[in-house]
Amino acid sequence: MMYSYHIFYFPFKWKIERNANKIFAEQVSLNNIQPSVLSNWETNYSPQDQEEQKELYNEKNYYFKFVHPVLYDDGTENLLVRHYERKEPKNEEVFYNIKISKNGQVLDYRLRVVAINLNFYSTGVGMLSFYLENNEKDDFQSVLNINQYGRRIFPPFYKDIDVRSPIALSISIDGLYGGTERYTENFERYTTSMDWEPALFLGNLIGDLQENLKILPVIDDRMFVNCWYGNNKIADEFYLNEEECKRIEKENQELVIAKQILEEKQEKRLSDFLNKDFWYEYIFVDSSSPTCRNRMMKDKLLEDATYKRWQMDGSLYGVSRYSLVLLTSESGFAKDVLQVHMRTIYSRMIELVLVQRASMLRFSGEVTILSRLSPTDTRESAIKIASLYQEYIRFVNQIFFRSVTSQDQGIELYQLFVNQFELEKQIGDLEDEIGELHQYISLLIEKAKSEQGALLNQIAAILLPATILTGFFGMNPIASNDSWLSQGILIVVVTLIVFFLLLNIKKLR
């Protein structure tokens, strides 16, 4: 019996230290990813069974074909994404364990690992994702706890190491080759002198693929959450179920009146539900109480984050910077169709949005690095900035899309993501940053060209007397007994030229 389905996404920056001084295109080339022959990661370019074939068919038909190259690694020379899957969940039982301390109690959550995926993208970012089934806890507090504590990858504040209010006592993965200890984090190793780095189980999982990869969190101390939760009792709080609708229709024979009453009651029920804490906590991944303590602001946040299209059918979606969540009834349709859509179709949408956001942050960081280059080394700076600009243009054309599907729900959900992540504003700011950097180096190049031109003019002016003398002696040869005079003049001219060149040797360089 599956009560809820959880997917955690860890976006990160990747780099290889030996390539740090190369141009950006060479740093982030996917050819740098060379999996170890002993790795338990594998490429999987084809569905494993008929069910996966159906799911992949649905996914690819949902999205425009021009979006596919960034979503799918087809095993060919795809220059945008490399996809790997962990072997063990396909062959044996693997569990994602979350141990927490809450209200003086120690609580354990054991989720079955359906899949662990790892993607690398040509913008220098990656994505590690965990697909998890909750088959043990059906209460809403457990669902909130799993989302809140299962997603934390390092302590946001140092005091949290002792207090453990936002982070778990431990997160561990059982059943992977290498042993549980290798994939366990209890957050006690962190010190005040440490830079931010992800939990051990994240770093070691990625390190299993390739040892020399350096991984850095690109967003914050949390993984993104995708969650489906089916609960009849809670769902009944935001919509009128079939029995209630039939009762109202029976009490009101007039069809128009019955329809009006139904609509009013549906709206009232949804309004009352949104005023409760659960929905806010579910969307914004809180497990104790809402982190917004202002009613008007809370109402505005919920209004912007709630997708109501299927409310009357018992489905309510929520989209925030931290999550995509779905609350449904326990119907067969909710479990067999909507849950599948969350872990397939909408999971691809989440990956795309997170890659867009992470890539923008990666580009912005590179702009900061390149802006520190010495203005005297114009040639090197120009080459590196040109490479970054080229990769940015490629990103805009092949990864950052204004539209990804023709399906109404997909259009609306994608727009919610764009709004929540402020992607339009972010891409505008990034374009300004890169544009200013490109303009700066262009000015330096023009300045260098002007200085070079001025230098050539000076050289020409110095050489002019020699040119005249050469012409003079060529047309009016001096008698052989006066050769000492011509030799002396030439020596003086050559000396002046050499002296001038020595004075300007730095400029010539």
Protein backbone atom coordinates (compact mmCIF):
# COMPACT_ATOMS: atom_id res chain seq x y z
CA MET A 1 0.00 0.00 0.00
CA MET A 2 1.55 3.29 -1.10
CA TYR A 3 0.45 6.31 0.94
CA SER A 4 2.69 8.94 -0.63
CA TYR A 5 5.38 9.29 -3.28
CA HIS A 6 8.38 11.57 -2.79
CA ILE A 7 11.09 12.72 -5.18
CA PHE A 8 14.07 14.76 -3.96
CA TYR A 9 16.19 16.69 -6.49
CA PHE A 10 19.70 17.89 -5.70
CA PRO A 11 20.94 20.44 -8.28
CA PHE A 12 24.67 21.10 -8.15
CA LYS A 13 27.62 22.69 -9.92
CA TRP A 14 30.31 20.32 -11.15
CA LYS A 15 33.86 20.98 -12.22
CA ILE A 16 37.20 19.23 -12.62
CA GLU A 17 40.07 21.11 -10.96
CA ARG A 18 42.63 20.40 -13.68
CA ASN A 19 40.39 22.24 -16.17
CA ALA A 20 39.91 25.31 -13.99
CA ASN A 21 42.04 27.61 -16.19
CA LYS A 22 40.53 26.50 -19.48
CA ILE A 23 37.84 28.38 -21.36
CA PHE A 24 34.30 27.76 -20.13
CA ALA A 25 33.28 25.54 -23.06
CA GLU A 26 36.15 23.16 -22.29
CA GLN A 27 35.44 23.21 -18.55
CA VAL A 28 31.82 22.10 -18.96
CA SER A 29 32.19 19.75 -21.92
CA LEU A 30 30.33 16.51 -21.20
CA ASN A 31 33.30 14.65 -22.65
CA ASN A 32 34.96 15.38 -19.30
CA ILE A 33 32.55 12.93 -17.66
CA GLN A 34 34.35 9.59 -17.77
CA PRO A 35 32.59 7.05 -15.52
CA SER A 36 34.73 4.61 -13.59
CA VAL A 37 34.63 1.04 -14.88
CA LEU A 38 33.91 -0.06 -11.30
CA SER A 39 31.00 2.34 -10.94
CA ASN A 40 27.55 1.05 -10.06
CA TRP A 41 26.07 3.74 -12.28
CA GLU A 42 24.88 2.71 -15.70
CA THR A 43 23.57 4.40 -18.80
CA ASN A 44 20.08 3.38 -19.72
CA TYR A 45 18.88 4.49 -23.11
CA SER A 46 15.85 2.24 -23.43
CA PRO A 47 12.86 1.40 -21.20
CA GLN A 48 13.24 -1.79 -19.16
CA ASP A 49 9.69 -3.07 -19.54
CA GLN A 50 6.35 -2.36 -21.22
CA GLU A 51 5.19 -0.05 -18.43
CA GLU A 52 8.27 2.14 -18.81
CA GLN A 53 7.73 2.19 -22.58
CA LYS A 54 4.21 3.56 -22.06
CA GLU A 55 5.44 6.17 -19.59
CA LEU A 56 8.23 7.33 -21.91
CA TYR A 57 5.78 7.53 -24.81
CA ASN A 58 3.47 9.75 -22.74
CA GLU A 59 6.35 12.00 -21.66
CA LYS A 60 7.76 12.59 -25.12
CA ASN A 61 4.37 13.29 -26.63
CA TYR A 62 3.60 15.75 -23.83
CA TYR A 63 6.58 18.00 -24.62
CA PHE A 64 7.54 19.77 -27.82
CA LYS A 65 10.17 17.87 -29.78
CA PHE A 66 12.65 20.74 -29.56
CA VAL A 67 12.66 20.30 -25.76
CA HIS A 68 13.65 16.61 -25.93
CA PRO A 69 17.45 17.06 -26.30
CA VAL A 70 17.75 18.56 -22.81
CA LEU A 71 15.30 16.11 -21.23
CA TYR A 72 16.52 12.81 -22.69
CA ASP A 73 19.88 11.19 -23.25
CA ASP A 74 19.28 8.96 -26.26
CA GLY A 75 22.81 7.52 -26.32
CA THR A 76 23.89 9.47 -29.38
CA GLU A 77 26.08 12.56 -29.48
CA ASN A 78 23.71 14.52 -27.31
CA LEU A 79 25.71 17.50 -26.20
CA LEU A 80 23.22 18.78 -23.61
CA VAL A 81 22.69 15.98 -21.07
CA ARG A 82 24.25 12.73 -19.87
CA HIS A 83 21.97 10.42 -17.90
CA TYR A 84 22.94 7.67 -15.46
CA GLU A 85 20.90 5.35 -13.26
CA ARG A 86 21.96 3.49 -10.15
CA LYS A 87 21.88 -0.28 -10.66
CA GLU A 88 20.86 -1.57 -7.20
CA PRO A 89 17.22 -0.32 -6.98
CA LYS A 90 16.43 -2.29 -10.15
CA ASN A 91 17.70 -5.55 -8.69
CA GLU A 92 17.18 -5.47 -4.93
CA GLU A 93 15.57 -3.68 -2.00
CA VAL A 94 17.08 -0.25 -1.27
CA PHE A 95 15.75 2.09 1.43
CA TYR A 96 16.07 5.80 2.18
CA ASN A 97 16.03 6.17 5.97
CA ILE A 98 15.25 9.42 7.80
CA LYS A 99 15.67 9.60 11.59
CA ILE A 100 14.42 12.75 13.31
CA SER A 101 13.94 14.16 16.78
CA LYS A 102 10.67 16.01 17.21
CA ASN A 103 8.85 17.08 20.37
CA GLY A 104 11.07 14.87 22.49
CA GLN A 105 10.44 11.81 20.30
CA VAL A 106 12.76 9.94 17.95
CA LEU A 107 10.92 9.06 14.75
CA ASP A 108 12.05 6.84 11.88
CA TYR A 109 10.85 6.93 8.29
CA ARG A 110 11.79 4.15 5.90
CA LEU A 111 11.04 4.76 2.22
CA ARG A 112 11.60 2.27 -0.57
CA VAL A 113 13.99 3.58 -3.22
CA VAL A 114 12.44 3.07 -6.65
CA ALA A 115 15.26 4.79 -8.55
CA ILE A 116 18.32 7.01 -8.14
CA ASN A 117 19.17 9.08 -11.23
CA LEU A 118 22.12 11.32 -12.03
CA ASN A 119 22.19 13.87 -14.87
CA PHE A 120 25.00 16.10 -16.08
CA TYR A 121 24.32 19.11 -18.30
CA SER A 122 26.54 21.06 -20.68
CA THR A 123 26.18 24.26 -18.64
CA GLY A 124 28.31 22.84 -15.83
CA VAL A 125 25.43 21.80 -13.58
CA GLY A 126 23.99 18.44 -12.61
CA MET A 127 21.02 16.80 -10.92
CA LEU A 128 20.89 13.89 -8.48
CA SER A 129 17.35 12.64 -7.81
CA PHE A 130 15.78 10.07 -5.49
CA TYR A 131 12.44 8.40 -6.28
CA LEU A 132 10.90 7.16 -3.02
CA GLU A 133 7.74 5.29 -1.96
CA ASN A 134 6.20 5.72 1.48
CA ASN A 135 4.42 2.45 2.24
CA GLU A 136 4.34 2.71 6.05
CA LYS A 137 2.99 6.09 7.25
CA ASP A 138 -0.37 7.43 6.09
CA ASP A 139 -0.83 10.46 8.38
CA PHE A 140 -0.24 13.95 7.03
CA GLN A 141 2.32 14.85 9.72
CA SER A 142 4.53 11.98 8.57
CA VAL A 143 4.31 13.21 4.99
CA LEU A 144 5.32 16.70 6.12
CA ASN A 145 8.20 15.30 8.18
CA ILE A 146 9.51 13.20 5.28
CA ASN A 147 9.53 16.22 2.96
CA GLN A 148 11.05 18.59 5.49
CA TYR A 149 13.80 16.42 6.98
CA GLY A 150 14.50 14.21 3.98
CA ARG A 151 15.45 17.17 1.79
CA ARG A 152 17.98 18.89 4.13
CA ILE A 153 21.54 18.33 2.90
CA PHE A 154 23.60 20.41 5.34
CA PRO A 155 22.93 22.57 8.43
CA PRO A 156 21.72 26.05 7.44
CA PHE A 157 22.87 27.43 10.80
CA TYR A 158 25.62 26.06 13.00
CA LYS A 159 23.37 25.76 16.06
CA ASP A 160 21.22 23.30 14.13
CA ILE A 161 23.91 20.65 14.57
CA ASP A 162 22.93 20.48 18.24
CA VAL A 163 19.32 21.64 18.16
CA ARG A 164 18.28 19.56 15.10
CA SER A 165 15.16 21.60 14.48
CA PRO A 166 15.44 21.77 10.65
CA ILE A 167 17.78 18.82 9.99
CA ALA A 168 17.46 15.11 10.67
CA LEU A 169 19.40 13.14 13.23
CA SER A 170 20.60 11.12 10.25
CA ILE A 171 19.82 10.26 6.65
CA SER A 172 21.08 6.94 5.32
CA ILE A 173 20.61 4.67 2.32
CA ASP A 174 20.55 0.90 2.84
CA GLY A 175 21.20 -1.64 0.11
CA LEU A 176 23.79 0.14 -2.04
CA TYR A 177 27.11 -1.41 -2.96
CA GLY A 178 29.73 0.05 -0.63
CA GLY A 179 27.72 -0.31 2.58
CA THR A 180 25.33 1.86 4.57
CA GLU A 181 28.11 3.78 6.32
CA ARG A 182 29.34 5.24 3.03
CA TYR A 183 25.86 6.64 2.33
CA THR A 184 25.02 8.02 5.79
CA GLU A 185 25.05 11.60 7.05
CA ASN A 186 24.47 12.52 10.72
CA PHE A 187 25.58 16.16 10.26
CA GLU A 188 28.02 15.99 13.20
CA ARG A 189 31.15 16.39 11.06
CA TYR A 190 30.41 20.03 10.18
CA THR A 191 32.62 22.69 11.77
CA THR A 192 32.62 26.48 11.73
CA SER A 193 35.66 26.48 9.41
CA MET A 194 34.00 24.32 6.73
CA ASP A 195 32.69 25.66 3.48
CA TRP A 196 29.22 24.61 2.49
CA GLU A 197 29.26 21.10 1.12
CA PRO A 198 26.52 18.53 0.58
CA ALA A 199 25.74 15.58 2.80
CA LEU A 200 28.11 12.61 2.58
CA PHE A 201 25.62 10.33 0.90
CA LEU A 202 25.21 12.87 -1.93
CA GLY A 203 28.91 13.47 -2.46
CA ASN A 204 29.76 9.77 -2.30
CA LEU A 205 27.01 8.76 -4.70
CA ILE A 206 28.26 11.24 -7.31
CA GLY A 207 31.87 10.38 -6.51
CA ASP A 208 31.13 6.73 -7.30
CA LEU A 209 30.71 7.77 -10.92
CA GLN A 210 33.93 9.77 -11.21
CA GLU A 211 36.36 10.54 -8.41
CA ASN A 212 37.82 13.85 -9.60
CA LEU A 213 34.48 15.64 -9.82
CA LYS A 214 34.12 18.56 -7.44
CA ILE A 215 30.50 19.10 -6.42
CA LEU A 216 29.04 22.28 -4.93
CA PRO A 217 25.42 23.10 -4.00
CA VAL A 218 24.08 25.62 -6.47
CA ILE A 219 20.90 26.79 -4.71
CA ASP A 220 20.80 26.31 -0.93
CA ASP A 221 20.80 23.69 1.86
CA ARG A 222 17.66 21.96 0.60
CA MET A 223 16.71 19.58 -2.14
CA PHE A 224 13.64 20.32 -4.23
CA VAL A 225 10.56 18.24 -3.32
CA ASN A 226 8.04 16.56 -5.62
CA CYS A 227 5.28 14.86 -3.65
CA TRP A 228 2.02 13.02 -4.34
CA TYR A 229 -0.19 12.34 -1.32
CA GLY A 230 -3.55 10.59 -1.36
CA ASN A 231 -5.81 11.07 1.67
CA ASN A 232 -9.62 10.96 1.46
CA LYS A 233 -10.20 12.70 4.75
CA ILE A 234 -8.03 15.72 3.91
CA ALA A 235 -9.20 15.87 0.29
CA ASP A 236 -12.81 16.04 1.48
CA GLU A 237 -11.91 19.32 3.17
CA PHE A 238 -11.38 21.18 -0.12
CA TYR A 239 -14.00 19.64 -2.44
CA LEU A 240 -17.47 18.09 -2.41
CA ASN A 241 -17.25 14.40 -3.11
CA GLU A 242 -19.68 12.53 -5.33
CA GLU A 243 -22.06 11.61 -2.50
CA GLU A 244 -22.31 15.21 -1.29
CA CYS A 245 -22.97 16.48 -4.81
CA LYS A 246 -25.77 13.94 -5.35
CA ARG A 247 -27.36 14.91 -2.04
CA ILE A 248 -27.38 18.63 -2.95
CA GLU A 249 -28.77 17.88 -6.42
CA LYS A 250 -31.51 15.74 -4.87
CA GLU A 251 -32.44 18.49 -2.40
CA ASN A 252 -32.65 21.05 -5.23
CA GLN A 253 -34.64 19.76 -8.19
CA GLU A 254 -34.02 22.95 -10.17
CA LEU A 255 -30.80 22.19 -12.08
CA VAL A 256 -29.65 25.82 -12.30
CA ILE A 257 -30.11 26.36 -8.57
CA ALA A 258 -28.40 23.08 -7.71
CA LYS A 259 -25.40 24.01 -9.90
CA GLN A 260 -25.13 27.45 -8.26
CA ILE A 261 -25.30 25.96 -4.77
CA LEU A 262 -22.63 23.40 -5.68
CA GLU A 263 -20.27 26.08 -7.00
CA GLU A 264 -20.76 28.28 -3.92
CA LYS A 265 -20.17 25.38 -1.56
CA GLN A 266 -17.08 24.29 -3.50
CA GLU A 267 -15.60 27.77 -3.28
CA LYS A 268 -16.43 28.05 0.40
CA ARG A 269 -14.87 24.69 1.14
CA LEU A 270 -11.68 25.58 -0.74
CA SER A 271 -11.46 28.97 0.98
CA ASP A 272 -11.81 27.37 4.42
CA PHE A 273 -9.18 24.76 3.52
CA LEU A 274 -6.66 27.36 2.37
CA ASN A 275 -7.03 29.17 5.68
CA LYS A 276 -5.78 26.08 7.52
CA ASP A 277 -2.11 25.49 8.20
CA PHE A 278 -1.75 22.14 6.44
CA TRP A 279 -1.88 23.36 2.87
CA TYR A 280 0.71 26.10 3.47
CA GLU A 281 2.99 23.65 5.29
CA TYR A 282 2.62 21.13 2.47
CA ILE A 283 3.46 23.58 -0.35
CA PHE A 284 6.28 25.42 1.42
CA VAL A 285 7.68 22.28 3.08
CA ASP A 286 7.21 23.18 6.73
CA SER A 287 6.63 20.48 9.30
CA SER A 288 5.91 22.37 12.52
CA SER A 289 4.02 25.56 11.71
CA PRO A 290 3.70 28.00 8.81
CA THR A 291 6.82 30.11 8.43
CA CYS A 292 4.73 33.08 7.33
CA ARG A 293 3.13 34.82 10.32
CA ASN A 294 1.19 37.49 8.47
CA ARG A 295 -2.30 36.62 7.30
CA MET A 296 -2.43 38.89 4.24
CA MET A 297 1.00 37.82 3.05
CA LYS A 298 0.17 34.18 3.67
CA ASP A 299 -3.05 34.47 1.66
CA LYS A 300 -1.15 36.10 -1.22
CA LEU A 301 1.52 33.39 -1.22
CA LEU A 302 -1.11 30.64 -1.24
CA GLU A 303 -3.08 32.29 -4.00
CA ASP A 304 0.03 32.51 -6.20
CA ALA A 305 1.12 28.96 -5.40
CA THR A 306 -2.17 27.02 -5.65
CA TYR A 307 -3.30 25.44 -8.91
CA LYS A 308 -7.06 24.86 -8.72
CA ARG A 309 -8.04 23.50 -12.14
CA TRP A 310 -9.07 20.04 -10.85
CA GLN A 311 -10.35 21.00 -7.40
CA MET A 312 -13.88 19.70 -8.02
CA ASP A 313 -12.41 16.35 -9.02
CA GLY A 314 -10.50 16.08 -5.75
CA SER A 315 -7.03 17.19 -6.89
CA LEU A 316 -5.17 20.26 -5.68
CA TYR A 317 -1.67 21.21 -6.88
CA GLY A 318 0.83 23.53 -5.24
CA VAL A 319 3.95 25.10 -6.79
CA SER A 320 6.65 26.99 -4.89
CA ARG A 321 10.41 27.59 -5.11
CA TYR A 322 10.79 24.49 -2.93
CA SER A 323 8.23 22.04 -4.23
CA LEU A 324 5.61 20.69 -6.56
CA VAL A 325 2.96 18.93 -4.47
CA LEU A 326 -0.32 17.21 -5.24
CA LEU A 327 -3.05 16.35 -2.74
CA THR A 328 -5.68 13.92 -3.99
CA SER A 329 -8.23 11.41 -2.87
CA GLU A 330 -7.33 7.72 -2.62
CA SER A 331 -9.20 6.83 -5.80
CA GLY A 332 -7.78 4.45 -8.37
CA PHE A 333 -7.39 7.32 -10.86
CA ALA A 334 -5.44 9.36 -8.33
CA LYS A 335 -3.03 6.51 -7.63
CA ASP A 336 -2.76 4.94 -11.05
CA VAL A 337 -2.74 8.07 -13.21
CA LEU A 338 -2.04 11.26 -11.26
CA GLN A 339 0.73 9.74 -9.18
CA VAL A 340 2.37 8.42 -12.35
CA HIS A 341 2.17 11.85 -13.99
CA MET A 342 3.91 13.40 -10.99
CA ARG A 343 6.90 11.06 -11.17
CA THR A 344 7.16 11.10 -14.98
CA ILE A 345 5.75 14.03 -16.95
CA TYR A 346 5.98 16.65 -14.21
CA SER A 347 9.26 15.31 -12.93
CA ARG A 348 10.77 16.19 -16.32
CA MET A 349 9.32 19.70 -15.99
CA ILE A 350 10.90 20.08 -12.56
CA GLU A 351 14.29 18.94 -13.87
CA LEU A 352 14.11 21.45 -16.70
CA VAL A 353 13.20 24.37 -14.44
CA LEU A 354 15.88 23.49 -11.89
CA VAL A 355 18.51 23.16 -14.62
CA GLN A 356 17.50 26.56 -15.96
CA ARG A 357 17.79 28.16 -12.53
CA ALA A 358 21.04 26.37 -11.65
CA SER A 359 22.58 27.23 -15.03
CA MET A 360 21.78 30.91 -14.58
CA LEU A 361 23.53 30.86 -11.21
CA ARG A 362 26.51 29.06 -12.75
CA PHE A 363 26.77 31.66 -15.53
CA SER A 364 26.45 34.49 -13.03
CA GLY A 365 29.29 33.01 -10.98
CA GLU A 366 31.48 32.75 -14.07
CA VAL A 367 30.80 36.41 -14.88
CA THR A 368 32.08 37.33 -11.42
CA ILE A 369 35.25 35.27 -11.95
CA LEU A 370 35.98 36.71 -15.39
CA SER A 371 35.41 40.27 -14.21
CA ARG A 372 38.44 39.82 -11.93
CA LEU A 373 40.82 39.09 -14.82
CA SER A 374 43.62 41.58 -15.34
CA PRO A 375 42.71 44.23 -17.93
CA THR A 376 46.32 44.12 -19.19
CA ASP A 377 45.88 40.55 -20.45
CA THR A 378 43.31 41.51 -23.04
CA ARG A 379 43.78 38.54 -25.35
CA GLU A 380 43.23 35.88 -22.66
CA SER A 381 40.27 37.75 -21.21
CA ALA A 382 38.67 38.14 -24.64
CA ILE A 383 38.98 34.41 -25.39
CA LYS A 384 37.46 33.37 -22.04
CA ILE A 385 34.62 35.90 -22.21
CA ALA A 386 33.85 34.94 -25.80
CA SER A 387 33.58 31.27 -24.76
CA LEU A 388 31.24 32.11 -21.89
CA TYR A 389 29.12 34.27 -24.17
CA GLN A 390 28.90 31.49 -26.74
CA GLU A 391 27.74 28.95 -24.12
CA TYR A 392 25.21 31.45 -22.78
CA ILE A 393 23.69 31.89 -26.27
CA ARG A 394 23.52 28.13 -26.58
CA PHE A 395 21.75 27.93 -23.21
CA VAL A 396 19.17 30.53 -24.22
CA ASN A 397 18.44 28.73 -27.50
CA GLN A 398 18.49 25.10 -26.34
CA ILE A 399 17.63 25.00 -22.62
CA PHE A 400 15.74 28.14 -21.60
CA PHE A 401 12.28 27.90 -23.17
CA ARG A 402 9.29 30.21 -22.92
CA SER A 403 6.98 27.32 -23.76
CA VAL A 404 7.50 23.55 -23.51
CA THR A 405 4.13 21.93 -24.27
CA SER A 406 0.80 22.51 -25.98
CA GLN A 407 -1.15 20.89 -23.11
CA ASP A 408 -3.23 23.39 -21.09
CA GLN A 409 -2.25 22.04 -17.69
CA GLY A 410 1.39 21.83 -18.70
CA ILE A 411 1.34 25.43 -19.96
CA GLU A 412 -0.21 26.65 -16.71
CA LEU A 413 2.05 24.66 -14.39
CA TYR A 414 5.18 25.67 -16.30
CA GLN A 415 4.15 29.31 -16.04
CA LEU A 416 3.68 28.86 -12.29
CA PHE A 417 7.25 27.58 -12.07
CA VAL A 418 8.54 30.47 -14.16
CA ASN A 419 6.74 32.92 -11.88
CA GLN A 420 7.83 31.26 -8.62
CA PHE A 421 11.48 31.09 -9.65
CA GLU A 422 11.31 34.54 -11.31
CA LEU A 423 13.04 33.01 -14.31
CA GLU A 424 12.14 35.83 -16.69
CA LYS A 425 13.70 38.38 -14.36
CA GLN A 426 16.72 36.14 -13.75
CA ILE A 427 17.41 35.67 -17.44
CA GLY A 428 17.08 39.42 -17.96
CA ASP A 429 19.57 40.17 -15.17
CA LEU A 430 21.99 37.54 -16.49
CA GLU A 431 21.76 38.94 -20.01
CA ASP A 432 22.66 42.38 -18.64
CA GLU A 433 25.62 40.96 -16.68
CA ILE A 434 27.06 39.07 -19.64
CA GLY A 435 26.30 41.94 -22.01
CA GLU A 436 28.18 44.41 -19.82
CA LEU A 437 31.14 42.04 -19.56
CA HIS A 438 31.15 41.56 -23.34
CA GLN A 439 30.98 45.33 -23.86
CA TYR A 440 33.84 45.86 -21.39
CA ILE A 441 36.18 43.47 -23.17
CA SER A 442 35.17 44.97 -26.53
CA LEU A 443 36.25 48.41 -25.28
CA LEU A 444 39.58 46.96 -24.11
CA ILE A 445 40.13 45.38 -27.53
CA GLU A 446 39.33 48.65 -29.31
CA LYS A 447 41.70 50.47 -26.96
CA ALA A 448 44.46 47.96 -27.69
CA LYS A 449 43.87 48.36 -31.44
CA SER A 450 44.06 52.16 -31.15
CA GLU A 451 47.30 51.97 -29.17
CA GLN A 452 48.74 49.55 -31.70
CA GLY A 453 47.78 51.90 -34.54
CA ALA A 454 49.37 54.86 -32.78
CA LEU A 455 52.51 52.84 -32.19
CA LEU A 456 52.73 51.89 -35.86
CA ASN A 457 52.37 55.56 -36.82
CA GLN A 458 55.25 56.44 -34.50
CA ILE A 459 57.40 53.71 -36.02
CA ALA A 460 56.53 54.96 -39.49
CA ALA A 461 57.53 58.48 -38.50
CA ILE A 462 60.91 57.28 -37.22
CA LEU A 463 61.51 55.19 -40.32
CA LEU A 464 60.59 58.04 -42.68
CA PRO A 465 64.09 59.62 -42.68
CA ALA A 466 65.62 56.22 -43.40
CA THR A 467 63.22 55.77 -46.29
CA ILE A 468 64.14 59.17 -47.69
CA LEU A 469 67.86 58.53 -47.28
CA THR A 470 67.54 55.13 -48.94
CA GLY A 471 65.78 56.74 -51.86
CA PHE A 472 68.33 59.53 -52.02
CA PHE A 473 71.33 57.23 -51.99
CA GLY A 474 69.62 54.94 -54.41
CA MET A 475 69.14 57.74 -56.94
CA ASN A 476 72.36 59.67 -56.23
CA PRO A 477 75.20 57.25 -55.48
CA ILE A 478 78.09 58.83 -53.61
CA ALA A 479 81.57 58.37 -54.86
CA SER A 480 83.44 55.44 -53.51
CA ASN A 481 85.95 57.67 -51.76
CA ASP A 482 83.00 59.22 -49.80
CA SER A 483 81.55 55.87 -48.64
CA TRP A 484 82.47 56.71 -45.06
CA LEU A 485 79.84 59.46 -45.09
CA SER A 486 76.99 57.18 -46.21
CA GLN A 487 77.98 54.52 -43.72
CA GLY A 488 78.00 57.02 -40.87
CA ILE A 489 74.55 58.34 -41.76
CA LEU A 490 73.10 54.83 -41.93
CA ILE A 491 74.61 53.90 -38.56
CA VAL A 492 73.00 56.93 -36.91
CA VAL A 493 69.61 56.13 -38.43
CA VAL A 494 69.72 52.44 -37.41
CA THR A 495 70.77 53.41 -33.86
CA LEU A 496 67.80 55.77 -33.53
CA ILE A 497 65.39 53.09 -34.73
CA VAL A 498 66.73 50.45 -32.31
CA PHE A 499 66.61 52.94 -29.41
CA PHE A 500 62.96 53.79 -30.20
CA LEU A 501 61.97 50.12 -30.43
CA LEU A 502 63.58 49.33 -27.09
CA LEU A 503 61.64 52.14 -25.45
CA ASN A 504 58.38 50.75 -26.84
CA ILE A 505 59.01 47.00 -26.52
CA LYS A 506 56.30 46.62 -23.85
CA LYS A 507 53.70 48.21 -26.09
CA LEU A 508 54.66 45.93 -28.98
CA ARG A 509 54.00 42.95 -26.76
